[in-house]
């Protein structure tokens, strides 16, 4: 918003300023006023090309896939019907992808549930432009919607903490006897 106002103010100034204010004269061709010419780099001197670090991959093999081309992509049934979209990947500490987390159901992400399916259950192939990846799963949308939801380790920890906190609060309440109130 501020950028738009600044641009509008500059445009208004340029339109309303008299031509004499905006006009500039070209500098004189006085050699003493010119900055000194520095020596040009030696054309024969060449910089050494960048050296890759150990284990670096410089060019992606066309037989491989990028996670960015998978996450957010659609998952299809063998009948080419969209059954969900890829929300995440479950990766082992060894770097192996264990599962694909597929979001199913809901509308525009609201009410959607995640279902993690082992990677070996998918067929994956890059699209012709290599920008995205088509994932096909031998399951229907209804089967995925009926499957149990995936719980990340983080969500499991939150659930455990909540259960412990609830148990502590319940124990605290049960420590004190209830005082009977006035009878009617």
N, C-alpha and C. Protein backbone atom coordinates (compact mmCIF):
# COMPACT_ATOMS: atom_id res chain seq x y z
N UNK A 1 0.83 -1.18 0.00
CA UNK A 1 0.00 0.00 0.00
C UNK A 1 0.87 1.25 0.00
N UNK A 2 1.88 1.27 0.88
CA UNK A 2 2.77 2.43 0.96
C UNK A 2 3.55 2.58 -0.34
N UNK A 3 3.95 1.46 -0.93
CA UNK A 3 4.69 1.48 -2.18
C UNK A 3 3.82 2.10 -3.29
N UNK A 4 2.55 1.73 -3.32
CA UNK A 4 1.63 2.27 -4.32
C UNK A 4 1.45 3.77 -4.14
N UNK A 5 1.32 4.21 -2.88
CA UNK A 5 1.17 5.65 -2.60
C UNK A 5 2.44 6.38 -3.01
N UNK A 6 3.62 5.81 -2.71
CA UNK A 6 4.88 6.44 -3.08
C UNK A 6 5.01 6.59 -4.59
N UNK A 7 4.63 5.55 -5.32
CA UNK A 7 4.68 5.61 -6.78
C UNK A 7 3.72 6.65 -7.32
N UNK A 8 2.53 6.74 -6.71
CA UNK A 8 1.54 7.72 -7.14
C UNK A 8 2.04 9.14 -6.87
N UNK A 9 2.68 9.35 -5.72
CA UNK A 9 3.21 10.68 -5.39
C UNK A 9 4.32 11.08 -6.36
N UNK A 10 5.21 10.13 -6.70
CA UNK A 10 6.28 10.41 -7.64
C UNK A 10 5.71 10.75 -9.02
N UNK A 11 4.71 10.00 -9.46
CA UNK A 11 4.09 10.27 -10.76
C UNK A 11 3.44 11.65 -10.77
N UNK A 12 2.77 12.01 -9.68
CA UNK A 12 2.13 13.32 -9.57
C UNK A 12 3.18 14.43 -9.62
N UNK A 13 4.31 14.25 -8.94
CA UNK A 13 5.38 15.23 -8.95
C UNK A 13 5.92 15.41 -10.37
N UNK A 14 6.19 14.31 -11.06
CA UNK A 14 6.75 14.40 -12.41
C UNK A 14 5.80 15.08 -13.38
N UNK A 15 4.52 14.84 -13.23
CA UNK A 15 3.54 15.45 -14.12
C UNK A 15 3.40 16.94 -13.84
N UNK A 16 3.47 17.32 -12.57
CA UNK A 16 3.21 18.72 -12.22
C UNK A 16 4.46 19.59 -12.21
N UNK A 17 5.66 19.02 -12.20
CA UNK A 17 6.89 19.82 -12.16
C UNK A 17 7.13 20.50 -13.50
N UNK A 18 7.59 21.77 -13.49
CA UNK A 18 7.89 22.45 -14.75
C UNK A 18 9.08 21.77 -15.43
N UNK A 19 9.11 21.87 -16.72
CA UNK A 19 10.17 21.24 -17.51
C UNK A 19 11.54 21.72 -17.13
N UNK A 20 11.68 22.97 -16.72
CA UNK A 20 13.01 23.49 -16.38
C UNK A 20 13.57 22.82 -15.12
N UNK A 21 12.70 22.39 -14.22
CA UNK A 21 13.16 21.72 -13.00
C UNK A 21 13.71 20.34 -13.35
N UNK A 22 13.05 19.67 -14.28
CA UNK A 22 13.44 18.32 -14.61
C UNK A 22 14.57 18.25 -15.63
N UNK A 23 14.78 19.35 -16.38
CA UNK A 23 15.81 19.32 -17.42
C UNK A 23 17.18 19.33 -16.79
N UNK A 24 18.09 18.60 -17.39
CA UNK A 24 19.47 18.58 -16.92
C UNK A 24 20.35 18.84 -18.12
N UNK A 25 21.46 19.43 -17.84
CA UNK A 25 22.39 19.67 -18.94
C UNK A 25 23.40 18.55 -18.97
N UNK A 26 23.87 18.24 -20.15
CA UNK A 26 24.87 17.18 -20.30
C UNK A 26 26.20 17.68 -19.78
N UNK A 27 27.01 16.82 -19.16
CA UNK A 27 28.30 17.26 -18.64
C UNK A 27 29.22 17.65 -19.80
N UNK A 28 30.09 18.59 -19.51
CA UNK A 28 31.03 19.05 -20.53
C UNK A 28 32.03 17.96 -20.84
N UNK A 29 32.64 18.01 -22.01
CA UNK A 29 33.62 17.02 -22.42
C UNK A 29 35.01 17.42 -21.96
N UNK A 30 35.12 17.86 -20.74
CA UNK A 30 36.41 18.26 -20.18
C UNK A 30 37.13 17.01 -19.69
N UNK A 31 38.30 16.66 -20.28
CA UNK A 31 39.01 15.45 -19.87
C UNK A 31 39.40 15.46 -18.39
N UNK A 32 39.63 16.63 -17.82
CA UNK A 32 40.02 16.69 -16.41
C UNK A 32 38.86 16.30 -15.50
N UNK A 33 37.61 16.50 -15.97
CA UNK A 33 36.44 16.19 -15.16
C UNK A 33 36.04 14.73 -15.27
N UNK A 34 36.59 14.02 -16.23
CA UNK A 34 36.25 12.62 -16.42
C UNK A 34 37.00 11.74 -15.43
N UNK A 35 36.37 10.67 -14.95
CA UNK A 35 37.08 9.76 -14.04
C UNK A 35 38.18 9.04 -14.80
N UNK A 36 39.25 8.67 -14.10
CA UNK A 36 40.35 7.99 -14.79
C UNK A 36 39.92 6.61 -15.29
N UNK A 37 40.47 6.21 -16.40
CA UNK A 37 40.17 4.91 -16.98
C UNK A 37 41.05 3.89 -16.28
N UNK A 38 40.40 2.85 -15.75
CA UNK A 38 41.17 1.79 -15.09
C UNK A 38 41.50 0.73 -16.10
N UNK A 39 42.48 -0.03 -15.81
CA UNK A 39 42.91 -1.08 -16.73
C UNK A 39 41.83 -2.15 -16.82
N UNK A 40 41.59 -2.60 -18.02
CA UNK A 40 40.61 -3.66 -18.23
C UNK A 40 41.22 -4.99 -17.79
N UNK A 41 40.39 -5.93 -17.36
CA UNK A 41 40.93 -7.22 -16.95
C UNK A 41 41.62 -7.90 -18.12
N UNK A 42 42.64 -8.62 -17.80
CA UNK A 42 43.40 -9.34 -18.81
C UNK A 42 42.50 -10.39 -19.46
N UNK A 43 42.33 -10.29 -20.76
CA UNK A 43 41.44 -11.21 -21.48
C UNK A 43 41.97 -12.62 -21.46
N UNK A 44 43.26 -12.77 -21.27
CA UNK A 44 43.83 -14.12 -21.26
C UNK A 44 43.68 -14.80 -19.91
N UNK A 45 43.47 -13.99 -18.84
CA UNK A 45 43.30 -14.59 -17.51
C UNK A 45 41.90 -15.18 -17.42
N UNK A 46 41.82 -16.42 -17.00
CA UNK A 46 40.52 -17.09 -16.89
C UNK A 46 40.29 -17.49 -15.45
N UNK A 47 39.03 -17.32 -15.02
CA UNK A 47 38.66 -17.78 -13.69
C UNK A 47 38.51 -19.29 -13.73
N UNK A 48 38.85 -19.93 -12.64
CA UNK A 48 38.67 -21.38 -12.60
C UNK A 48 37.18 -21.69 -12.44
N UNK A 49 36.71 -22.72 -13.11
CA UNK A 49 35.28 -23.05 -13.01
C UNK A 49 34.94 -23.51 -11.59
N UNK A 50 33.68 -23.31 -11.18
CA UNK A 50 33.30 -23.74 -9.82
C UNK A 50 33.48 -25.25 -9.69
N UNK A 51 33.97 -25.65 -8.53
CA UNK A 51 34.21 -27.06 -8.27
C UNK A 51 33.09 -27.61 -7.40
N UNK A 52 32.45 -28.72 -7.81
CA UNK A 52 31.39 -29.30 -6.98
C UNK A 52 31.97 -29.87 -5.69
N UNK A 53 31.17 -29.84 -4.65
CA UNK A 53 31.59 -30.44 -3.39
C UNK A 53 31.32 -31.94 -3.44
N UNK A 54 31.96 -32.67 -2.57
CA UNK A 54 31.81 -34.12 -2.57
C UNK A 54 30.35 -34.51 -2.36
N UNK A 55 29.86 -35.37 -3.21
CA UNK A 55 28.48 -35.84 -3.12
C UNK A 55 27.45 -34.93 -3.79
N UNK A 56 27.88 -33.82 -4.34
CA UNK A 56 26.94 -32.88 -4.96
C UNK A 56 26.43 -33.42 -6.28
N UNK A 57 25.14 -33.18 -6.53
CA UNK A 57 24.54 -33.51 -7.83
C UNK A 57 24.32 -32.19 -8.54
N UNK A 58 24.88 -32.03 -9.71
CA UNK A 58 24.78 -30.77 -10.43
C UNK A 58 23.53 -30.76 -11.31
N UNK A 59 23.25 -31.85 -12.00
CA UNK A 59 22.07 -31.94 -12.87
C UNK A 59 21.19 -33.09 -12.43
N UNK A 60 19.90 -32.82 -12.37
CA UNK A 60 18.95 -33.86 -11.99
C UNK A 60 18.82 -34.87 -13.11
N UNK A 61 18.86 -36.13 -12.76
CA UNK A 61 18.63 -37.21 -13.72
C UNK A 61 17.13 -37.20 -14.06
N UNK A 62 16.80 -37.34 -15.32
CA UNK A 62 15.39 -37.29 -15.73
C UNK A 62 14.59 -38.48 -15.22
N UNK A 63 15.27 -39.50 -14.71
CA UNK A 63 14.56 -40.65 -14.14
C UNK A 63 14.24 -40.43 -12.66
N UNK A 64 14.67 -39.28 -12.08
CA UNK A 64 14.39 -39.00 -10.67
C UNK A 64 13.28 -37.95 -10.57
N UNK A 65 12.76 -37.80 -9.36
CA UNK A 65 11.68 -36.85 -9.11
C UNK A 65 12.10 -35.90 -8.00
N UNK A 66 11.60 -34.69 -8.03
CA UNK A 66 11.81 -33.72 -6.96
C UNK A 66 10.59 -33.74 -6.04
N UNK A 67 10.83 -33.60 -4.74
CA UNK A 67 9.72 -33.56 -3.79
C UNK A 67 8.78 -32.41 -4.12
N UNK A 68 9.32 -31.29 -4.60
CA UNK A 68 8.48 -30.14 -4.95
C UNK A 68 7.55 -30.45 -6.12
N UNK A 69 7.90 -31.44 -6.94
CA UNK A 69 7.04 -31.84 -8.05
C UNK A 69 6.01 -32.87 -7.60
N UNK A 70 6.19 -33.41 -6.39
CA UNK A 70 5.26 -34.41 -5.87
C UNK A 70 4.29 -33.77 -4.88
N UNK A 71 4.82 -33.02 -3.89
CA UNK A 71 3.97 -32.40 -2.87
C UNK A 71 3.05 -31.38 -3.52
N UNK A 72 1.78 -31.49 -3.22
CA UNK A 72 0.77 -30.61 -3.80
C UNK A 72 0.15 -31.19 -5.06
N UNK A 73 0.75 -32.23 -5.59
CA UNK A 73 0.22 -32.86 -6.80
C UNK A 73 -1.00 -33.72 -6.51
N UNK A 74 -1.73 -34.05 -7.55
CA UNK A 74 -2.93 -34.88 -7.41
C UNK A 74 -2.57 -36.35 -7.43
N UNK A 75 -3.36 -37.13 -6.70
CA UNK A 75 -3.25 -38.58 -6.70
C UNK A 75 -4.46 -39.10 -7.44
N UNK A 76 -4.21 -40.04 -8.35
CA UNK A 76 -5.27 -40.57 -9.20
C UNK A 76 -5.48 -42.06 -8.94
N UNK A 77 -6.70 -42.51 -9.21
CA UNK A 77 -7.00 -43.94 -9.18
C UNK A 77 -6.58 -44.51 -10.54
N UNK A 78 -6.56 -45.85 -10.67
CA UNK A 78 -6.24 -46.42 -11.97
C UNK A 78 -7.23 -46.00 -13.07
N UNK A 79 -8.45 -45.60 -12.66
CA UNK A 79 -9.46 -45.12 -13.62
C UNK A 79 -9.25 -43.65 -13.95
N UNK A 80 -8.11 -43.06 -13.53
CA UNK A 80 -7.74 -41.67 -13.79
C UNK A 80 -8.67 -40.67 -13.11
N UNK A 81 -9.25 -41.06 -11.96
CA UNK A 81 -10.08 -40.15 -11.18
C UNK A 81 -9.23 -39.60 -10.03
N UNK A 82 -9.34 -38.31 -9.78
CA UNK A 82 -8.59 -37.70 -8.69
C UNK A 82 -9.15 -38.22 -7.36
N UNK A 83 -8.25 -38.77 -6.51
CA UNK A 83 -8.70 -39.30 -5.22
C UNK A 83 -8.17 -38.46 -4.05
N UNK A 84 -7.30 -37.51 -4.31
CA UNK A 84 -6.74 -36.66 -3.27
C UNK A 84 -5.52 -35.92 -3.78
N UNK A 85 -4.83 -35.29 -2.84
CA UNK A 85 -3.61 -34.58 -3.21
C UNK A 85 -2.51 -34.88 -2.19
N UNK A 86 -1.28 -34.74 -2.62
CA UNK A 86 -0.14 -35.05 -1.75
C UNK A 86 0.12 -33.87 -0.83
N UNK A 87 0.00 -34.13 0.48
CA UNK A 87 0.25 -33.09 1.47
C UNK A 87 1.65 -33.16 2.06
N UNK A 88 2.26 -34.35 2.05
CA UNK A 88 3.57 -34.48 2.68
C UNK A 88 4.19 -35.81 2.30
N UNK A 89 5.42 -35.99 2.72
CA UNK A 89 6.14 -37.25 2.54
C UNK A 89 6.67 -37.67 3.91
N UNK A 90 6.65 -38.96 4.20
CA UNK A 90 7.24 -39.49 5.43
C UNK A 90 8.60 -40.04 5.03
N UNK A 91 9.66 -39.46 5.62
CA UNK A 91 11.03 -39.80 5.24
C UNK A 91 11.75 -40.41 6.43
N UNK A 92 12.39 -41.55 6.22
CA UNK A 92 13.18 -42.20 7.27
C UNK A 92 14.49 -41.44 7.45
N UNK A 93 15.16 -41.61 8.60
CA UNK A 93 16.44 -40.94 8.81
C UNK A 93 17.49 -41.32 7.76
N UNK A 94 17.33 -42.46 7.11
CA UNK A 94 18.27 -42.87 6.07
C UNK A 94 18.04 -42.13 4.77
N UNK A 95 16.95 -41.36 4.69
CA UNK A 95 16.63 -40.61 3.48
C UNK A 95 15.62 -41.30 2.60
N UNK A 96 15.28 -42.52 2.92
CA UNK A 96 14.31 -43.28 2.13
C UNK A 96 12.90 -42.75 2.39
N UNK A 97 12.14 -42.57 1.33
CA UNK A 97 10.75 -42.13 1.49
C UNK A 97 9.93 -43.36 1.86
N UNK A 98 9.29 -43.29 3.02
CA UNK A 98 8.51 -44.42 3.51
C UNK A 98 7.07 -44.37 3.02
N UNK A 99 6.48 -43.17 3.03
CA UNK A 99 5.07 -43.06 2.68
C UNK A 99 4.76 -41.70 2.07
N UNK A 100 3.63 -41.66 1.40
CA UNK A 100 3.09 -40.43 0.83
C UNK A 100 1.84 -40.10 1.64
N UNK A 101 1.75 -38.87 2.15
CA UNK A 101 0.59 -38.45 2.93
C UNK A 101 -0.39 -37.79 1.96
N UNK A 102 -1.53 -38.45 1.81
CA UNK A 102 -2.54 -38.00 0.85
C UNK A 102 -3.70 -37.35 1.60
N UNK A 103 -4.05 -36.13 1.20
CA UNK A 103 -5.20 -35.44 1.77
C UNK A 103 -6.45 -35.85 0.99
N UNK A 104 -7.45 -36.34 1.71
CA UNK A 104 -8.69 -36.79 1.06
C UNK A 104 -9.89 -36.14 1.72
N UNK A 105 -10.96 -36.03 0.95
CA UNK A 105 -12.21 -35.48 1.47
C UNK A 105 -12.11 -33.98 1.65
N UNK A 106 -13.12 -33.43 2.26
CA UNK A 106 -13.13 -32.00 2.53
C UNK A 106 -13.38 -31.17 1.28
N UNK A 107 -13.36 -29.88 1.50
CA UNK A 107 -13.57 -28.93 0.41
C UNK A 107 -12.55 -27.83 0.57
N UNK A 108 -11.71 -27.65 -0.41
CA UNK A 108 -10.62 -26.66 -0.41
C UNK A 108 -9.77 -26.80 0.86
N UNK A 109 -9.49 -28.02 1.25
CA UNK A 109 -8.65 -28.27 2.41
C UNK A 109 -9.37 -28.26 3.74
N UNK A 110 -10.62 -27.80 3.77
CA UNK A 110 -11.39 -27.76 5.02
C UNK A 110 -12.07 -29.11 5.19
N UNK A 111 -11.86 -29.74 6.33
CA UNK A 111 -12.44 -31.05 6.59
C UNK A 111 -11.66 -32.18 5.95
N UNK A 112 -10.52 -31.85 5.36
CA UNK A 112 -9.69 -32.86 4.72
C UNK A 112 -9.00 -33.69 5.78
N UNK A 113 -8.78 -34.96 5.49
CA UNK A 113 -8.05 -35.83 6.40
C UNK A 113 -6.85 -36.39 5.66
N UNK A 114 -5.77 -36.60 6.41
CA UNK A 114 -4.56 -37.17 5.84
C UNK A 114 -4.53 -38.67 6.03
N UNK A 115 -4.14 -39.37 4.98
CA UNK A 115 -3.96 -40.81 5.01
C UNK A 115 -2.57 -41.08 4.44
N UNK A 116 -1.73 -41.78 5.22
CA UNK A 116 -0.38 -42.09 4.75
C UNK A 116 -0.38 -43.48 4.11
N UNK A 117 0.13 -43.55 2.90
CA UNK A 117 0.18 -44.80 2.14
C UNK A 117 1.64 -45.07 1.79
N UNK A 118 2.08 -46.32 1.95
CA UNK A 118 3.45 -46.70 1.63
C UNK A 118 3.78 -46.32 0.19
N UNK A 119 4.99 -45.83 0.00
CA UNK A 119 5.42 -45.37 -1.31
C UNK A 119 5.32 -46.46 -2.37
N UNK A 120 5.60 -47.71 -1.98
CA UNK A 120 5.58 -48.79 -2.98
C UNK A 120 4.19 -49.10 -3.51
N UNK A 121 3.16 -48.48 -2.98
CA UNK A 121 1.79 -48.66 -3.48
C UNK A 121 1.46 -47.70 -4.63
N UNK A 122 2.36 -46.78 -4.91
CA UNK A 122 2.14 -45.77 -5.95
C UNK A 122 2.97 -46.07 -7.19
N UNK A 123 2.44 -45.67 -8.32
CA UNK A 123 3.28 -45.56 -9.51
C UNK A 123 3.42 -44.07 -9.75
N UNK A 124 4.64 -43.66 -10.05
CA UNK A 124 4.92 -42.23 -10.24
C UNK A 124 5.65 -42.04 -11.54
N UNK A 125 5.24 -40.99 -12.24
CA UNK A 125 5.95 -40.65 -13.47
C UNK A 125 5.89 -39.14 -13.66
N UNK A 126 7.00 -38.56 -14.09
CA UNK A 126 6.99 -37.12 -14.32
C UNK A 126 6.12 -36.77 -15.52
N UNK A 127 5.55 -35.59 -15.49
CA UNK A 127 4.79 -35.12 -16.64
C UNK A 127 5.76 -34.77 -17.75
N UNK A 128 5.25 -34.51 -18.94
CA UNK A 128 6.10 -34.24 -20.10
C UNK A 128 7.04 -33.06 -19.89
N UNK A 129 6.60 -32.05 -19.12
CA UNK A 129 7.45 -30.87 -18.89
C UNK A 129 8.34 -31.01 -17.65
N UNK A 130 8.26 -32.12 -16.94
CA UNK A 130 9.03 -32.41 -15.73
C UNK A 130 8.72 -31.46 -14.58
N UNK A 131 7.67 -30.65 -14.68
CA UNK A 131 7.33 -29.69 -13.62
C UNK A 131 6.54 -30.35 -12.50
N UNK A 132 5.74 -31.36 -12.82
CA UNK A 132 4.94 -32.05 -11.82
C UNK A 132 5.09 -33.55 -12.02
N UNK A 133 4.50 -34.28 -11.11
CA UNK A 133 4.56 -35.74 -11.15
C UNK A 133 3.17 -36.29 -11.02
N UNK A 134 2.85 -37.29 -11.82
CA UNK A 134 1.54 -37.95 -11.74
C UNK A 134 1.70 -39.18 -10.85
N UNK A 135 0.89 -39.24 -9.80
CA UNK A 135 0.90 -40.37 -8.89
C UNK A 135 -0.39 -41.15 -9.06
N UNK A 136 -0.27 -42.46 -9.20
CA UNK A 136 -1.44 -43.33 -9.34
C UNK A 136 -1.41 -44.33 -8.20
N UNK A 137 -2.53 -44.45 -7.50
CA UNK A 137 -2.68 -45.36 -6.37
C UNK A 137 -3.83 -46.31 -6.67
N UNK A 138 -3.62 -47.57 -6.39
CA UNK A 138 -4.67 -48.56 -6.65
C UNK A 138 -5.69 -48.53 -5.51
N UNK A 139 -6.41 -47.41 -5.40
CA UNK A 139 -7.46 -47.25 -4.39
C UNK A 139 -8.45 -46.21 -4.89
N UNK A 140 -9.65 -46.31 -4.39
CA UNK A 140 -10.68 -45.33 -4.75
C UNK A 140 -10.73 -44.22 -3.71
N UNK A 141 -11.39 -43.16 -4.04
CA UNK A 141 -11.56 -42.05 -3.12
C UNK A 141 -12.33 -42.51 -1.88
N UNK A 142 -13.33 -43.34 -2.10
CA UNK A 142 -14.16 -43.84 -0.99
C UNK A 142 -13.32 -44.69 -0.03
N UNK A 143 -12.42 -45.51 -0.56
CA UNK A 143 -11.56 -46.33 0.30
C UNK A 143 -10.64 -45.45 1.15
N UNK A 144 -10.10 -44.41 0.54
CA UNK A 144 -9.22 -43.51 1.30
C UNK A 144 -10.00 -42.73 2.35
N UNK A 145 -11.20 -42.30 2.02
CA UNK A 145 -12.01 -41.56 2.99
C UNK A 145 -12.41 -42.44 4.16
N UNK A 146 -12.56 -43.76 3.95
CA UNK A 146 -12.93 -44.69 5.01
C UNK A 146 -11.72 -45.15 5.82
N UNK A 147 -10.51 -44.90 5.35
CA UNK A 147 -9.30 -45.34 6.04
C UNK A 147 -9.03 -44.48 7.27
N UNK A 148 -8.32 -45.04 8.26
CA UNK A 148 -7.97 -44.23 9.44
C UNK A 148 -7.05 -43.07 9.06
N UNK A 149 -7.18 -41.99 9.80
CA UNK A 149 -6.36 -40.80 9.55
C UNK A 149 -4.92 -41.02 10.01
N UNK A 150 -3.99 -40.39 9.34
CA UNK A 150 -2.57 -40.42 9.68
C UNK A 150 -2.32 -39.42 10.80
N UNK A 151 -1.52 -39.82 11.79
CA UNK A 151 -1.13 -38.92 12.87
C UNK A 151 0.39 -38.80 12.87
N UNK A 152 0.87 -37.60 12.69
CA UNK A 152 2.32 -37.36 12.71
C UNK A 152 2.85 -37.58 14.12
N UNK A 153 4.16 -37.75 14.25
CA UNK A 153 4.78 -37.92 15.57
C UNK A 153 4.51 -36.69 16.43
N UNK A 154 4.51 -35.52 15.81
CA UNK A 154 4.23 -34.28 16.54
C UNK A 154 2.82 -34.30 17.11
N UNK A 155 1.83 -34.71 16.31
CA UNK A 155 0.45 -34.75 16.79
C UNK A 155 0.28 -35.82 17.87
N UNK A 156 0.98 -36.94 17.73
CA UNK A 156 0.94 -37.97 18.76
C UNK A 156 1.47 -37.43 20.08
N UNK A 157 2.56 -36.67 20.03
CA UNK A 157 3.15 -36.08 21.24
C UNK A 157 2.18 -35.08 21.86
N UNK A 158 1.52 -34.27 21.05
CA UNK A 158 0.54 -33.33 21.59
C UNK A 158 -0.61 -34.06 22.27
N UNK A 159 -1.07 -35.16 21.66
CA UNK A 159 -2.15 -35.96 22.26
C UNK A 159 -1.71 -36.54 23.59
N UNK A 160 -0.48 -37.08 23.66
CA UNK A 160 0.04 -37.64 24.91
C UNK A 160 0.13 -36.57 25.99
N UNK A 161 0.65 -35.41 25.64
CA UNK A 161 0.75 -34.30 26.60
C UNK A 161 -0.63 -33.88 27.10
N UNK A 162 -1.60 -33.84 26.21
CA UNK A 162 -2.96 -33.47 26.58
C UNK A 162 -3.55 -34.51 27.53
N UNK A 163 -3.34 -35.79 27.22
CA UNK A 163 -3.86 -36.86 28.08
C UNK A 163 -3.23 -36.78 29.47
N UNK A 164 -1.92 -36.54 29.53
CA UNK A 164 -1.25 -36.42 30.82
C UNK A 164 -1.76 -35.22 31.60
N UNK A 165 -1.93 -34.11 30.93
CA UNK A 165 -2.42 -32.90 31.59
C UNK A 165 -3.83 -33.12 32.11
N UNK A 166 -4.67 -33.76 31.30
CA UNK A 166 -6.04 -34.04 31.73
C UNK A 166 -6.06 -34.96 32.93
N UNK A 167 -5.20 -35.98 32.95
CA UNK A 167 -5.13 -36.91 34.08
C UNK A 167 -4.67 -36.19 35.34
N UNK A 168 -3.69 -35.29 35.22
CA UNK A 168 -3.21 -34.53 36.37
C UNK A 168 -4.31 -33.63 36.93
N UNK A 169 -5.04 -32.99 36.05
CA UNK A 169 -6.12 -32.12 36.50
C UNK A 169 -7.21 -32.93 37.19
N UNK A 170 -7.51 -34.10 36.66
CA UNK A 170 -8.54 -34.97 37.26
C UNK A 170 -8.08 -35.43 38.64
N UNK A 171 -6.80 -35.82 38.76
CA UNK A 171 -6.26 -36.23 40.05
C UNK A 171 -6.32 -35.08 41.05
N UNK A 172 -6.01 -33.88 40.60
CA UNK A 172 -6.02 -32.71 41.48
C UNK A 172 -7.43 -32.44 41.99
N UNK A 173 -8.42 -32.58 41.14
CA UNK A 173 -9.81 -32.35 41.53
C UNK A 173 -10.25 -33.43 42.51
N UNK A 174 -9.82 -34.67 42.30
CA UNK A 174 -10.25 -35.78 43.15
C UNK A 174 -9.55 -35.78 44.51
N UNK A 175 -8.50 -34.99 44.70
CA UNK A 175 -7.80 -34.92 45.98
C UNK A 175 -8.69 -34.33 47.07
N UNK A 176 -9.51 -33.42 46.69
CA UNK A 176 -10.29 -32.69 47.67
C UNK A 176 -11.73 -33.23 47.70
N UNK A 177 -12.21 -33.48 48.91
CA UNK A 177 -13.60 -33.99 48.98
C UNK A 177 -14.56 -32.88 48.57
N UNK A 178 -15.66 -33.31 48.04
CA UNK A 178 -16.66 -32.32 47.63
C UNK A 178 -17.44 -31.90 48.87
N UNK A 179 -17.77 -30.67 48.93
CA UNK A 179 -18.53 -30.13 50.05
C UNK A 179 -19.97 -30.10 49.63
N UNK A 180 -20.81 -30.74 50.41
CA UNK A 180 -22.23 -30.72 50.03
C UNK A 180 -22.78 -29.30 50.12
N UNK A 181 -23.62 -28.97 49.19
CA UNK A 181 -24.24 -27.64 49.16
C UNK A 181 -25.54 -27.64 49.94
N UNK A 182 -26.14 -26.49 50.04
CA UNK A 182 -27.43 -26.40 50.76
C UNK A 182 -28.48 -27.27 50.10
N UNK A 183 -29.28 -27.90 50.92
CA UNK A 183 -30.34 -28.76 50.38
C UNK A 183 -31.59 -27.95 50.18
N UNK A 184 -32.33 -28.36 49.20
CA UNK A 184 -33.58 -27.65 48.89
C UNK A 184 -34.67 -28.00 49.83
